[in-house]
Amino acid sequence: MSQLEKIYGVHAVEALLRHHPKRVKQIWLAEGRSDPRVQTLIELAGENRVAVGQAERREMDAWVEGVHQGVVAEVSPSQVWGEAMLDELLDRTEGAPLLLVLDGVTDPHNLGACLRSADAAGALAVIVPKDKSATLTPVVRKVACGAAEVIPLVAVTNLARTLEKLQQRGLWVVGTAGEAEVSIYDQDLTGPTILIMGAEGKGMRRLTREHCDYLVKLPMAGSVSSLNVSVATGVCLFEAQRQRSVKVAAAAKKS
């Protein structure tokens, strides 16, 4: 294998071939694998003139840490977007954007799951601080099941300053905190919204909290006091998506 980044798993590799084929330099398939999912990869690779080779599974096991499903791709390095990307995205977005901020989430599995939920819920981008935060890795891409190749991950130097700039553009900042008095189900999330999820165990940092326009909580009915951050993120994002769908449907009826 070369020194290029190694991406693995059927979904992650297929997403790269569909959305960023120029990044893919070589695909390796486990010997003997010829099922329909692999045939799709072979066809996509052929359409984009990407070389396909075969290797023994035990050899592929040594290339990556994780379940590769008999599919490994050598690709050019991952791209994490800078703050300027946010302005470009917002400038060309119609309607009320939804942005997700992860304030210090360090577990790559959680980041991958959050990217997957953000894409599924229609979020415009995911924002993370450059320091003390997980970033794009093969593990993140595998867990994200292709979402990491679609939704922009934006790393910013100063999260508080970024929030201020976004507020000046008319976005409302909604932070999640267990001690908040308002349930997320009672918060209007249909406007231009930034949803902030705190770090595993620690929650939002003080300065981040101070920049929130609203604080909300997920009501807990059982004995546990909180959810895993990726699970909580999914719940919150899809509540925003639900509210927006209801609003669109109501507007359609009136017209």
C-alpha atoms as a PDB file:
ATOM      1  CA  MET A   1       0.000   0.000   0.000  1.00  0.00           C
ATOM      2  CA  SER A   2       1.121   3.574  -0.600  1.00  0.00           C
ATOM      3  CA  GLN A   3       1.172   6.467   1.857  1.00  0.00           C
ATOM      4  CA  LEU A   4      -2.210   7.698   0.661  1.00  0.00           C
ATOM      5  CA  GLU A   5      -5.098   7.739   3.137  1.00  0.00           C
ATOM      6  CA  LYS A   6      -6.881   4.402   3.409  1.00  0.00           C
ATOM      7  CA  ILE A   7     -10.679   4.435   3.435  1.00  0.00           C
ATOM      8  CA  TYR A   8     -12.547   1.202   4.018  1.00  0.00           C
ATOM      9  CA  GLY A   9     -16.056  -0.213   4.020  1.00  0.00           C
ATOM     10  CA  VAL A  10     -18.542  -0.518   1.152  1.00  0.00           C
ATOM     11  CA  HIS A  11     -20.603   2.596   1.935  1.00  0.00           C
ATOM     12  CA  ALA A  12     -17.637   4.905   2.495  1.00  0.00           C
ATOM     13  CA  VAL A  13     -15.842   3.818  -0.680  1.00  0.00           C
ATOM     14  CA  GLU A  14     -19.007   3.976  -2.789  1.00  0.00           C
ATOM     15  CA  ALA A  15     -19.734   7.496  -1.528  1.00  0.00           C
ATOM     16  CA  LEU A  16     -16.240   8.599  -2.502  1.00  0.00           C
ATOM     17  CA  LEU A  17     -16.615   7.145  -5.986  1.00  0.00           C
ATOM     18  CA  ARG A  18     -19.956   8.891  -6.454  1.00  0.00           C
ATOM     19  CA  HIS A  19     -19.106  12.284  -4.995  1.00  0.00           C
ATOM     20  CA  HIS A  20     -15.310  12.673  -5.149  1.00  0.00           C
ATOM     21  CA  PRO A  21     -14.016  10.131  -7.690  1.00  0.00           C
ATOM     22  CA  LYS A  22     -10.853  12.114  -8.431  1.00  0.00           C
ATOM     23  CA  ARG A  23      -9.681  11.491  -4.867  1.00  0.00           C
ATOM     24  CA  VAL A  24      -9.757   7.707  -5.353  1.00  0.00           C
ATOM     25  CA  LYS A  25      -6.467   6.330  -6.691  1.00  0.00           C
ATOM     26  CA  GLN A  26      -6.880   2.569  -6.198  1.00  0.00           C
ATOM     27  CA  ILE A  27      -9.492   0.148  -4.891  1.00  0.00           C
ATOM     28  CA  TRP A  28      -8.622  -3.209  -3.342  1.00  0.00           C
ATOM     29  CA  LEU A  29     -11.158  -6.001  -3.019  1.00  0.00           C
ATOM     30  CA  ALA A  30     -10.834  -9.177  -0.994  1.00  0.00           C
ATOM     31  CA  GLU A  31     -10.149 -12.229  -3.130  1.00  0.00           C
ATOM     32  CA  GLY A  32     -13.310 -14.142  -3.916  1.00  0.00           C
ATOM     33  CA  ARG A  33     -15.734 -11.303  -3.210  1.00  0.00           C
ATOM     34  CA  SER A  34     -18.078 -10.821  -6.179  1.00  0.00           C
ATOM     35  CA  ASP A  35     -21.493  -9.938  -4.727  1.00  0.00           C
ATOM     36  CA  PRO A  36     -23.775  -7.217  -6.183  1.00  0.00           C
ATOM     37  CA  ARG A  37     -22.478  -4.499  -3.841  1.00  0.00           C
ATOM     38  CA  VAL A  38     -18.937  -5.113  -5.016  1.00  0.00           C
ATOM     39  CA  GLN A  39     -20.078  -5.179  -8.641  1.00  0.00           C
ATOM     40  CA  THR A  40     -21.483  -1.689  -8.150  1.00  0.00           C
ATOM     41  CA  LEU A  41     -18.084  -0.520  -6.903  1.00  0.00           C
ATOM     42  CA  ILE A  42     -16.347  -2.128  -9.865  1.00  0.00           C
ATOM     43  CA  GLU A  43     -18.725  -0.392 -12.299  1.00  0.00           C
ATOM     44  CA  LEU A  44     -18.245   2.993 -10.609  1.00  0.00           C
ATOM     45  CA  ALA A  45     -14.487   2.503 -10.611  1.00  0.00           C
ATOM     46  CA  GLY A  46     -14.581   1.687 -14.323  1.00  0.00           C
ATOM     47  CA  GLU A  47     -16.644   4.767 -15.114  1.00  0.00           C
ATOM     48  CA  ASN A  48     -14.081   6.918 -13.302  1.00  0.00           C
ATOM     49  CA  ARG A  49     -10.987   5.052 -14.533  1.00  0.00           C
ATOM     50  CA  VAL A  50      -9.981   3.923 -11.055  1.00  0.00           C
ATOM     51  CA  ALA A  51      -7.799   0.836 -10.865  1.00  0.00           C
ATOM     52  CA  VAL A  52      -9.220  -2.200  -9.036  1.00  0.00           C
ATOM     53  CA  GLY A  53      -6.989  -4.859  -7.525  1.00  0.00           C
ATOM     54  CA  GLN A  54      -7.403  -7.940  -5.346  1.00  0.00           C
ATOM     55  CA  ALA A  55      -5.708  -8.852  -2.086  1.00  0.00           C
ATOM     56  CA  GLU A  56      -5.950 -11.497   0.608  1.00  0.00           C
ATOM     57  CA  ARG A  57      -8.207 -10.631   3.535  1.00  0.00           C
ATOM     58  CA  ARG A  58      -5.455 -11.145   6.084  1.00  0.00           C
ATOM     59  CA  GLU A  59      -3.287  -8.722   4.159  1.00  0.00           C
ATOM     60  CA  MET A  60      -6.099  -6.163   4.167  1.00  0.00           C
ATOM     61  CA  ASP A  61      -6.577  -6.715   7.902  1.00  0.00           C
ATOM     62  CA  ALA A  62      -3.077  -5.325   8.411  1.00  0.00           C
ATOM     63  CA  TRP A  63      -3.815  -2.197   6.382  1.00  0.00           C
ATOM     64  CA  VAL A  64      -6.645  -0.802   8.489  1.00  0.00           C
ATOM     65  CA  GLU A  65      -8.010  -0.933  12.029  1.00  0.00           C
ATOM     66  CA  GLY A  66     -11.645  -1.897  11.787  1.00  0.00           C
ATOM     67  CA  VAL A  67     -14.069  -4.030   9.788  1.00  0.00           C
ATOM     68  CA  HIS A  68     -13.163  -3.320   6.165  1.00  0.00           C
ATOM     69  CA  GLN A  69     -15.796  -5.655   4.622  1.00  0.00           C
ATOM     70  CA  GLY A  70     -13.251  -6.712   2.013  1.00  0.00           C
ATOM     71  CA  VAL A  71     -13.106  -3.212   0.501  1.00  0.00           C
ATOM     72  CA  VAL A  72     -10.222  -0.748   0.929  1.00  0.00           C
ATOM     73  CA  ALA A  73      -9.482   2.340  -1.150  1.00  0.00           C
ATOM     74  CA  GLU A  74      -6.342   4.438  -1.404  1.00  0.00           C
ATOM     75  CA  VAL A  75      -7.396   8.071  -1.633  1.00  0.00           C
ATOM     76  CA  SER A  76      -5.891  11.532  -1.513  1.00  0.00           C
ATOM     77  CA  PRO A  77      -5.938  13.108   1.985  1.00  0.00           C
ATOM     78  CA  SER A  78      -9.217  14.112   3.594  1.00  0.00           C
ATOM     79  CA  GLN A  79     -10.463  17.650   3.258  1.00  0.00           C
ATOM     80  CA  VAL A  80     -11.676  19.517   6.315  1.00  0.00           C
ATOM     81  CA  TRP A  81     -13.159  22.869   5.346  1.00  0.00           C
ATOM     82  CA  GLY A  82     -12.148  26.228   6.789  1.00  0.00           C
ATOM     83  CA  GLU A  83     -14.364  28.984   8.154  1.00  0.00           C
ATOM     84  CA  ALA A  84     -14.645  30.740   4.782  1.00  0.00           C
ATOM     85  CA  MET A  85     -16.611  27.728   3.551  1.00  0.00           C
ATOM     86  CA  LEU A  86     -19.476  28.690   5.867  1.00  0.00           C
ATOM     87  CA  ASP A  87     -19.999  32.024   4.134  1.00  0.00           C
ATOM     88  CA  GLU A  88     -20.002  30.318   0.734  1.00  0.00           C
ATOM     89  CA  LEU A  89     -22.526  27.722   1.880  1.00  0.00           C
ATOM     90  CA  LEU A  90     -24.843  30.293   3.427  1.00  0.00           C
ATOM     91  CA  ASP A  91     -24.608  32.602   0.433  1.00  0.00           C
ATOM     92  CA  ARG A  92     -25.953  29.920  -1.886  1.00  0.00           C
ATOM     93  CA  THR A  93     -28.529  28.445   0.502  1.00  0.00           C
ATOM     94  CA  GLU A  94     -32.191  29.316   0.216  1.00  0.00           C
ATOM     95  CA  GLY A  95     -34.579  29.027   3.136  1.00  0.00           C
ATOM     96  CA  ALA A  96     -33.638  28.540   6.787  1.00  0.00           C
ATOM     97  CA  PRO A  97     -30.291  26.747   7.165  1.00  0.00           C
ATOM     98  CA  LEU A  98     -29.639  24.229   9.926  1.00  0.00           C
ATOM     99  CA  LEU A  99     -26.071  23.931  11.190  1.00  0.00           C
ATOM    100  CA  LEU A 100     -24.711  21.460  13.739  1.00  0.00           C
ATOM    101  CA  VAL A 101     -21.896  22.413  16.118  1.00  0.00           C
ATOM    102  CA  LEU A 102     -20.037  19.748  18.083  1.00  0.00           C
ATOM    103  CA  ASP A 103     -18.253  21.513  20.929  1.00  0.00           C
ATOM    104  CA  GLY A 104     -15.310  19.240  21.663  1.00  0.00           C
ATOM    105  CA  VAL A 105     -16.572  15.782  20.643  1.00  0.00           C
ATOM    106  CA  THR A 106     -13.393  13.700  20.599  1.00  0.00           C
ATOM    107  CA  ASP A 107     -14.596  10.140  19.919  1.00  0.00           C
ATOM    108  CA  PRO A 108     -14.314   9.353  16.180  1.00  0.00           C
ATOM    109  CA  HIS A 109     -17.254   6.943  16.389  1.00  0.00           C
ATOM    110  CA  ASN A 110     -19.438   9.719  17.798  1.00  0.00           C
ATOM    111  CA  LEU A 111     -18.291  12.160  15.118  1.00  0.00           C
ATOM    112  CA  GLY A 112     -19.028   9.637  12.376  1.00  0.00           C
ATOM    113  CA  ALA A 113     -22.507   8.953  13.770  1.00  0.00           C
ATOM    114  CA  CYS A 114     -23.201  12.694  14.094  1.00  0.00           C
ATOM    115  CA  LEU A 115     -22.161  13.302  10.482  1.00  0.00           C
ATOM    116  CA  ARG A 116     -24.505  10.548   9.373  1.00  0.00           C
ATOM    117  CA  SER A 117     -27.428  12.019  11.349  1.00  0.00           C
ATOM    118  CA  ALA A 118     -26.650  15.554  10.197  1.00  0.00           C
ATOM    119  CA  ASP A 119     -26.742  14.529   6.555  1.00  0.00           C
ATOM    120  CA  ALA A 120     -29.943  12.514   7.012  1.00  0.00           C
ATOM    121  CA  ALA A 121     -31.676  15.420   8.783  1.00  0.00           C
ATOM    122  CA  GLY A 122     -30.736  17.924   6.093  1.00  0.00           C
ATOM    123  CA  ALA A 123     -28.131  19.939   8.002  1.00  0.00           C
ATOM    124  CA  LEU A 124     -26.024  22.276   5.899  1.00  0.00           C
ATOM    125  CA  ALA A 125     -22.697  21.559   7.627  1.00  0.00           C
ATOM    126  CA  VAL A 126     -21.098  20.320  10.831  1.00  0.00           C
ATOM    127  CA  ILE A 127     -18.796  22.719  12.679  1.00  0.00           C
ATOM    128  CA  VAL A 128     -16.073  21.674  15.127  1.00  0.00           C
ATOM    129  CA  PRO A 129     -13.227  23.527  16.866  1.00  0.00           C
ATOM    130  CA  LYS A 130      -9.793  22.778  15.414  1.00  0.00           C
ATOM    131  CA  ASP A 131      -8.350  21.871  18.805  1.00  0.00           C
ATOM    132  CA  LYS A 132      -9.509  19.067  21.106  1.00  0.00           C
ATOM    133  CA  SER A 133     -11.972  17.646  18.633  1.00  0.00           C
ATOM    134  CA  ALA A 134     -12.185  14.555  16.461  1.00  0.00           C
ATOM    135  CA  THR A 135     -11.556  15.100  12.765  1.00  0.00           C
ATOM    136  CA  LEU A 136     -11.963  13.096   9.571  1.00  0.00           C
ATOM    137  CA  THR A 137     -10.272   9.700   9.804  1.00  0.00           C
ATOM    138  CA  PRO A 138     -10.929   6.327   8.163  1.00  0.00           C
ATOM    139  CA  VAL A 139     -12.854   5.297  11.291  1.00  0.00           C
ATOM    140  CA  VAL A 140     -15.056   8.404  11.093  1.00  0.00           C
ATOM    141  CA  ARG A 141     -15.735   7.770   7.409  1.00  0.00           C
ATOM    142  CA  LYS A 142     -16.616   4.129   8.053  1.00  0.00           C
ATOM    143  CA  VAL A 143     -19.078   4.981  10.841  1.00  0.00           C
ATOM    144  CA  ALA A 144     -20.583   7.817   8.791  1.00  0.00           C
ATOM    145  CA  CYS A 145     -21.530   5.333   6.028  1.00  0.00           C
ATOM    146  CA  GLY A 146     -20.821   7.805   3.229  1.00  0.00           C
ATOM    147  CA  ALA A 147     -22.123  10.972   4.920  1.00  0.00           C
ATOM    148  CA  ALA A 148     -18.565  12.213   5.497  1.00  0.00           C
ATOM    149  CA  GLU A 149     -18.156  12.495   1.732  1.00  0.00           C
ATOM    150  CA  VAL A 150     -21.310  14.610   1.374  1.00  0.00           C
ATOM    151  CA  ILE A 151     -21.785  16.954   4.318  1.00  0.00           C
ATOM    152  CA  PRO A 152     -19.009  19.516   4.907  1.00  0.00           C
ATOM    153  CA  LEU A 153     -17.031  19.258   8.150  1.00  0.00           C
ATOM    154  CA  VAL A 154     -15.827  22.753   9.018  1.00  0.00           C
ATOM    155  CA  ALA A 155     -13.026  23.235  11.566  1.00  0.00           C
ATOM    156  CA  VAL A 156     -12.766  26.726  13.075  1.00  0.00           C
ATOM    157  CA  THR A 157     -10.009  28.280  15.155  1.00  0.00           C
ATOM    158  CA  ASN A 158     -12.286  30.272  17.463  1.00  0.00           C
ATOM    159  CA  LEU A 159     -15.753  28.773  17.915  1.00  0.00           C
ATOM    160  CA  ALA A 160     -17.115  31.700  19.922  1.00  0.00           C
ATOM    161  CA  ARG A 161     -16.095  34.169  17.225  1.00  0.00           C
ATOM    162  CA  THR A 162     -17.636  31.950  14.547  1.00  0.00           C
ATOM    163  CA  LEU A 163     -20.920  31.856  16.468  1.00  0.00           C
ATOM    164  CA  GLU A 164     -20.916  35.650  16.709  1.00  0.00           C
ATOM    165  CA  LYS A 165     -20.442  35.979  12.952  1.00  0.00           C
ATOM    166  CA  LEU A 166     -23.235  33.523  12.261  1.00  0.00           C
ATOM    167  CA  GLN A 167     -25.544  35.357  14.661  1.00  0.00           C
ATOM    168  CA  GLN A 168     -24.815  38.559  12.747  1.00  0.00           C
ATOM    169  CA  ARG A 169     -26.034  36.748   9.643  1.00  0.00           C
ATOM    170  CA  GLY A 170     -29.356  36.077  11.347  1.00  0.00           C
ATOM    171  CA  LEU A 171     -28.881  32.570  12.705  1.00  0.00           C
ATOM    172  CA  TRP A 172     -30.153  31.650  16.168  1.00  0.00           C
ATOM    173  CA  VAL A 173     -27.920  29.602  18.462  1.00  0.00           C
ATOM    174  CA  VAL A 174     -29.621  26.785  20.375  1.00  0.00           C
ATOM    175  CA  GLY A 175     -27.455  24.977  22.897  1.00  0.00           C
ATOM    176  CA  THR A 176     -28.267  21.728  24.680  1.00  0.00           C
ATOM    177  CA  ALA A 177     -27.849  21.456  28.448  1.00  0.00           C
ATOM    178  CA  GLY A 178     -29.314  18.997  30.919  1.00  0.00           C
ATOM    179  CA  GLU A 179     -30.243  21.736  33.382  1.00  0.00           C
ATOM    180  CA  ALA A 180     -32.123  23.843  30.821  1.00  0.00           C
ATOM    181  CA  GLU A 181     -35.772  24.552  31.630  1.00  0.00           C
ATOM    182  CA  VAL A 182     -37.132  24.378  28.064  1.00  0.00           C
ATOM    183  CA  SER A 183     -37.632  21.065  26.281  1.00  0.00           C
ATOM    184  CA  ILE A 184     -36.310  20.861  22.729  1.00  0.00           C
ATOM    185  CA  TYR A 185     -39.838  19.855  21.717  1.00  0.00           C
ATOM    186  CA  ASP A 186     -41.075  23.291  22.867  1.00  0.00           C
ATOM    187  CA  GLN A 187     -38.339  25.255  21.101  1.00  0.00           C
ATOM    188  CA  ASP A 188     -38.977  26.693  17.633  1.00  0.00           C
ATOM    189  CA  LEU A 189     -36.311  25.214  15.357  1.00  0.00           C
ATOM    190  CA  THR A 190     -37.859  26.210  12.031  1.00  0.00           C
ATOM    191  CA  GLY A 191     -35.817  29.387  11.527  1.00  0.00           C
ATOM    192  CA  PRO A 192     -32.116  29.735  10.665  1.00  0.00           C
ATOM    193  CA  THR A 193     -30.691  27.599  13.458  1.00  0.00           C
ATOM    194  CA  ILE A 194     -27.355  26.519  14.889  1.00  0.00           C
ATOM    195  CA  LEU A 195     -27.733  23.465  17.127  1.00  0.00           C
ATOM    196  CA  ILE A 196     -24.884  22.979  19.594  1.00  0.00           C
ATOM    197  CA  MET A 197     -24.094  19.640  21.212  1.00  0.00           C
ATOM    198  CA  GLY A 198     -21.509  19.510  23.988  1.00  0.00           C
ATOM    199  CA  ALA A 199     -18.611  17.149  24.503  1.00  0.00           C
ATOM    200  CA  GLU A 200     -18.951  13.627  25.865  1.00  0.00           C
ATOM    201  CA  GLY A 201     -19.585  13.935  29.599  1.00  0.00           C
ATOM    202  CA  LYS A 202     -18.592  17.612  29.894  1.00  0.00           C
ATOM    203  CA  GLY A 203     -21.215  19.312  27.778  1.00  0.00           C
ATOM    204  CA  MET A 204     -20.698  22.741  26.270  1.00  0.00           C
ATOM    205  CA  ARG A 205     -17.788  24.911  27.315  1.00  0.00           C
ATOM    206  CA  ARG A 206     -18.591  28.063  29.293  1.00  0.00           C
ATOM    207  CA  LEU A 207     -17.775  30.496  26.482  1.00  0.00           C
ATOM    208  CA  THR A 208     -19.849  28.510  24.022  1.00  0.00           C
ATOM    209  CA  ARG A 209     -22.797  28.508  26.412  1.00  0.00           C
ATOM    210  CA  GLU A 210     -22.566  32.279  26.780  1.00  0.00           C
ATOM    211  CA  HIS A 211     -23.106  32.683  23.037  1.00  0.00           C
ATOM    212  CA  CYS A 212     -26.337  30.665  23.021  1.00  0.00           C
ATOM    213  CA  ASP A 213     -29.603  32.497  22.382  1.00  0.00           C
ATOM    214  CA  TYR A 214     -31.547  29.577  23.857  1.00  0.00           C
ATOM    215  CA  LEU A 215     -30.787  26.559  26.033  1.00  0.00           C
ATOM    216  CA  VAL A 216     -32.844  23.389  25.645  1.00  0.00           C
ATOM    217  CA  LYS A 217     -32.864  19.909  27.109  1.00  0.00           C
ATOM    218  CA  LEU A 218     -33.989  16.443  26.115  1.00  0.00           C
ATOM    219  CA  PRO A 219     -36.577  15.304  28.680  1.00  0.00           C
ATOM    220  CA  MET A 220     -35.462  12.035  30.268  1.00  0.00           C
ATOM    221  CA  ALA A 221     -38.187   9.660  31.477  1.00  0.00           C
ATOM    222  CA  GLY A 222     -36.011   6.781  32.690  1.00  0.00           C
ATOM    223  CA  SER A 223     -33.306   6.302  35.291  1.00  0.00           C
ATOM    224  CA  VAL A 224     -30.376   7.496  33.143  1.00  0.00           C
ATOM    225  CA  SER A 225     -29.548  11.198  33.248  1.00  0.00           C
ATOM    226  CA  SER A 226     -28.260  11.631  29.701  1.00  0.00           C
ATOM    227  CA  LEU A 227     -27.812  10.026  26.286  1.00  0.00           C
ATOM    228  CA  ASN A 228     -24.702   9.328  24.266  1.00  0.00           C
ATOM    229  CA  VAL A 229     -23.883  12.515  22.359  1.00  0.00           C
ATOM    230  CA  SER A 230     -24.421  10.923  18.950  1.00  0.00           C
ATOM    231  CA  VAL A 231     -27.836   9.573  19.978  1.00  0.00           C
ATOM    232  CA  ALA A 232     -28.859  12.933  21.477  1.00  0.00           C
ATOM    233  CA  THR A 233     -27.666  14.683  18.329  1.00  0.00           C
ATOM    234  CA  GLY A 234     -29.849  12.465  16.168  1.00  0.00           C
ATOM    235  CA  VAL A 235     -32.914  13.119  18.327  1.00  0.00           C
ATOM    236  CA  CYS A 236     -32.390  16.891  18.278  1.00  0.00           C
ATOM    237  CA  LEU A 237     -31.665  17.096  14.546  1.00  0.00           C
ATOM    238  CA  PHE A 238     -34.732  15.093  13.627  1.00  0.00           C
ATOM    239  CA  GLU A 239     -36.935  17.206  15.888  1.00  0.00           C
ATOM    240  CA  ALA A 240     -35.726  20.209  13.882  1.00  0.00           C
ATOM    241  CA  GLN A 241     -36.411  18.321  10.669  1.00  0.00           C
ATOM    242  CA  ARG A 242     -39.888  17.327  11.898  1.00  0.00           C
ATOM    243  CA  GLN A 243     -40.805  20.904  12.776  1.00  0.00           C
ATOM    244  CA  ARG A 244     -39.615  22.140   9.406  1.00  0.00           C
ATOM    245  CA  SER A 245     -41.591  19.487   7.555  1.00  0.00           C
ATOM    246  CA  VAL A 246     -44.746  20.422   9.474  1.00  0.00           C
ATOM    247  CA  LYS A 247     -44.211  24.102   8.653  1.00  0.00           C
ATOM    248  CA  VAL A 248     -43.730  23.370   4.936  1.00  0.00           C
ATOM    249  CA  ALA A 249     -46.832  21.164   4.875  1.00  0.00           C
ATOM    250  CA  ALA A 250     -48.925  23.853   6.610  1.00  0.00           C
ATOM    251  CA  ALA A 251     -47.720  26.498   4.152  1.00  0.00           C
ATOM    252  CA  ALA A 252     -48.567  24.211   1.226  1.00  0.00           C
ATOM    253  CA  LYS A 253     -52.130  23.750   2.508  1.00  0.00           C
ATOM    254  CA  LYS A 254     -52.655  27.495   2.805  1.00  0.00           C
ATOM    255  CA  SER A 255     -51.506  28.047  -0.759  1.00  0.00           C
END
